Amino acid sequence: MQVPSLRFPGLVIAAFLAITCFDISTGLEHWPFGSYPMYSLLYSDQLTWLRFYGVTDRGEVPLRGERDFAPFDEARLIMALQRLEGAPAANQKLTAALGNLMQLYNRAAARRRPASPPLRALRLYTVRWPLQPGVTGTEAPRERSLVAQANRDDNRDEAAP
């Protein structure tokens, strides 16, 4: 009688191992059988991100997606712009997208209390920070490179702020 009672647990273990091996070999994720790639990546010694900077009469200021480009949140906005970077005619598409974001910012800037200065230009930079112990996240980026820029003069249909 003990032989039939061990058959079911053996089948469960074999099925678990088969599904786990399938997920590992195909790279798919079916919890709890997956390979958990989130914990198996090696990260570089630098963090690279896209960041917005607005140009006002006072100079260049960093902008944030949630605060300055509502209803867009920064993470999804950055992901969309990263996809545009790899598209054909990427520079034209990025410039058009930045022009639309600048119009959105300038319309909302007039309604803010206190009013924000309107943007003359909107720049998209790739910024890099070194990853090292003791970094708090408030440091200025170590390196910036311009990806795209939209100027207010290029947007003929923009309403005057």
Protein backbone atom coordinates (compact mmCIF):
# COMPACT_ATOMS: atom_id res chain seq x y z
CA MET A 1 0.00 0.00 0.00
CA GLN A 2 2.89 2.43 0.45
CA VAL A 3 3.97 2.34 -3.20
CA PRO A 4 0.74 3.97 -4.51
CA SER A 5 0.86 6.65 -1.79
CA LEU A 6 4.35 7.83 -2.91
CA ARG A 7 3.35 8.07 -6.56
CA PHE A 8 1.36 11.33 -6.23
CA PRO A 9 4.07 13.33 -4.39
CA GLY A 10 6.61 12.08 -6.91
CA LEU A 11 4.43 13.27 -9.79
CA VAL A 12 3.99 16.70 -8.15
CA ILE A 13 7.76 17.09 -7.70
CA ALA A 14 8.44 15.94 -11.27
CA ALA A 15 5.85 18.39 -12.66
CA PHE A 16 7.31 21.26 -10.60
CA LEU A 17 10.83 20.50 -11.90
CA ALA A 18 9.61 20.15 -15.50
CA ILE A 19 7.81 23.52 -15.42
CA THR A 20 10.81 25.19 -13.75
CA CYS A 21 13.20 23.81 -16.40
CA PHE A 22 10.82 24.95 -19.15
CA ASP A 23 10.66 28.49 -17.72
CA ILE A 24 14.44 28.70 -17.31
CA SER A 25 15.13 27.46 -20.84
CA THR A 26 12.56 29.72 -22.53
CA GLY A 27 13.04 32.79 -20.31
CA LEU A 28 9.33 32.91 -19.46
CA GLU A 29 7.91 33.68 -16.03
CA HIS A 30 5.20 31.56 -14.45
CA TRP A 31 5.32 32.17 -10.72
CA PRO A 32 6.61 30.31 -8.67
CA PHE A 33 8.44 28.39 -11.37
CA GLY A 34 10.47 31.25 -12.87
CA SER A 35 14.17 31.93 -12.71
CA TYR A 36 13.76 35.35 -11.03
CA PRO A 37 15.91 37.40 -13.44
CA MET A 38 15.41 40.52 -11.31
CA TYR A 39 18.02 39.17 -8.93
CA SER A 40 20.38 37.74 -11.55
CA LEU A 41 21.43 40.90 -13.41
CA LEU A 42 24.80 42.56 -13.16
CA TYR A 43 24.49 46.32 -13.16
CA SER A 44 27.09 48.71 -14.48
CA ASP A 45 28.92 51.13 -12.22
CA GLN A 46 26.82 54.03 -13.59
CA LEU A 47 23.14 54.87 -13.59
CA THR A 48 21.91 56.33 -16.89
CA TRP A 49 18.55 58.10 -17.18
CA LEU A 50 16.78 60.67 -19.31
CA ARG A 51 16.03 63.99 -17.66
CA PHE A 52 14.16 67.14 -18.71
CA TYR A 53 15.59 70.63 -18.35
CA GLY A 54 13.63 73.75 -19.14
CA VAL A 55 15.22 76.98 -20.34
CA THR A 56 13.65 80.12 -18.88
CA ASP A 57 14.79 83.74 -18.87
CA ARG A 58 16.72 82.93 -15.67
CA GLY A 59 18.58 79.96 -17.12
CA GLU A 60 18.23 76.18 -17.17
CA VAL A 61 16.11 74.41 -14.53
CA PRO A 62 15.52 70.68 -13.99
CA LEU A 63 11.91 69.56 -14.49
CA ARG A 64 10.01 66.56 -13.12
CA GLY A 65 7.30 64.62 -14.91
CA GLU A 66 4.73 64.35 -12.12
CA ARG A 67 4.96 67.98 -11.09
CA ASP A 68 5.59 69.74 -14.38
CA PHE A 69 3.95 67.57 -17.03
CA ALA A 70 0.75 66.39 -15.32
CA PRO A 71 -1.09 64.12 -16.06
CA PHE A 72 2.03 62.26 -17.26
CA ASP A 73 4.20 60.54 -14.68
CA GLU A 74 7.93 60.68 -15.19
CA ALA A 75 8.63 56.95 -15.50
CA ARG A 76 6.13 56.36 -18.32
CA LEU A 77 7.10 59.56 -20.07
CA ILE A 78 10.78 58.57 -20.02
CA MET A 79 9.95 55.05 -21.28
CA ALA A 80 7.96 56.51 -24.19
CA LEU A 81 10.82 58.85 -25.10
CA GLN A 82 13.32 55.98 -24.91
CA ARG A 83 11.18 54.10 -27.42
CA LEU A 84 11.16 57.17 -29.66
CA GLU A 85 14.97 57.31 -29.47
CA GLY A 86 15.20 53.98 -31.28
CA ALA A 87 12.57 54.80 -33.92
CA PRO A 88 13.28 55.89 -37.49
CA ALA A 89 13.53 59.70 -37.76
CA ALA A 90 14.02 59.73 -33.99
CA ASN A 91 15.33 63.30 -33.78
CA GLN A 92 12.26 64.78 -35.49
CA LYS A 93 9.87 62.71 -33.37
CA LEU A 94 11.67 63.61 -30.14
CA THR A 95 11.68 67.30 -31.05
CA ALA A 96 7.94 67.18 -31.81
CA ALA A 97 7.24 65.37 -28.53
CA LEU A 98 9.31 67.91 -26.57
CA GLY A 99 7.44 70.74 -28.32
CA ASN A 100 4.12 69.27 -27.20
CA LEU A 101 5.41 68.84 -23.63
CA MET A 102 6.63 72.43 -23.61
CA GLN A 103 3.18 73.64 -24.68
CA LEU A 104 1.61 71.56 -21.90
CA TYR A 105 4.04 73.01 -19.34
CA ASN A 106 3.52 76.62 -20.48
CA ARG A 107 -0.29 76.30 -20.35
CA ALA A 108 -0.12 74.89 -16.82
CA ALA A 109 2.58 77.35 -15.69
CA ALA A 110 0.25 80.32 -16.01
CA ARG A 111 -2.34 78.65 -13.73
CA ARG A 112 0.12 77.73 -10.97
CA ARG A 113 0.28 79.72 -7.76
CA PRO A 114 2.82 81.26 -7.69
CA ALA A 115 3.04 81.37 -11.46
CA SER A 116 5.99 79.55 -13.02
CA PRO A 117 8.01 81.32 -15.70
CA PRO A 118 7.24 80.08 -19.23
CA LEU A 119 9.81 77.93 -21.00
CA ARG A 120 11.76 79.28 -23.96
CA ALA A 121 13.10 75.79 -24.70
CA LEU A 122 12.80 72.24 -23.40
CA ARG A 123 15.85 69.98 -23.46
CA LEU A 124 16.14 66.24 -23.00
CA TYR A 125 19.48 65.03 -21.65
CA THR A 126 20.97 61.65 -20.95
CA VAL A 127 22.41 61.98 -17.45
CA ARG A 128 24.79 59.65 -15.62
CA TRP A 129 25.61 59.14 -11.96
CA PRO A 130 28.32 56.86 -10.59
CA LEU A 131 26.97 54.11 -8.37
CA GLN A 132 29.07 54.00 -5.23
CA PRO A 133 28.56 53.61 -1.49
CA GLY A 134 27.33 56.72 0.28
CA VAL A 135 25.37 58.17 -2.65
CA THR A 136 22.14 59.71 -1.36
CA GLY A 137 20.38 60.40 -4.66
CA THR A 138 20.45 64.18 -4.33
CA GLU A 139 23.78 64.63 -6.13
CA ALA A 140 23.95 66.44 -9.44
CA PRO A 141 24.64 64.13 -12.37
CA ARG A 142 28.29 63.65 -13.14
CA GLU A 143 27.75 63.78 -16.88
CA ARG A 144 25.07 65.14 -19.27
CA SER A 145 24.65 64.78 -23.01
CA LEU A 146 21.95 66.51 -25.04
CA VAL A 147 19.53 64.16 -26.80
CA ALA A 148 16.97 66.61 -28.23
CA GLN A 149 15.75 70.18 -27.82
CA ALA A 150 12.55 72.02 -28.73
CA ASN A 151 12.45 75.82 -28.88
CA ARG A 152 9.37 77.98 -28.32
CA ASP A 153 10.05 79.79 -31.61
CA ASP A 154 9.76 76.46 -33.45
CA ASN A 155 6.16 76.01 -32.19
CA ARG A 156 4.28 78.50 -34.32
CA ASP A 157 0.86 77.38 -33.08
CA GLU A 158 1.69 77.75 -29.38
CA ALA A 159 -0.47 80.23 -27.56
CA ALA A 160 1.36 83.07 -25.92
CA PRO A 161 1.75 82.44 -22.17
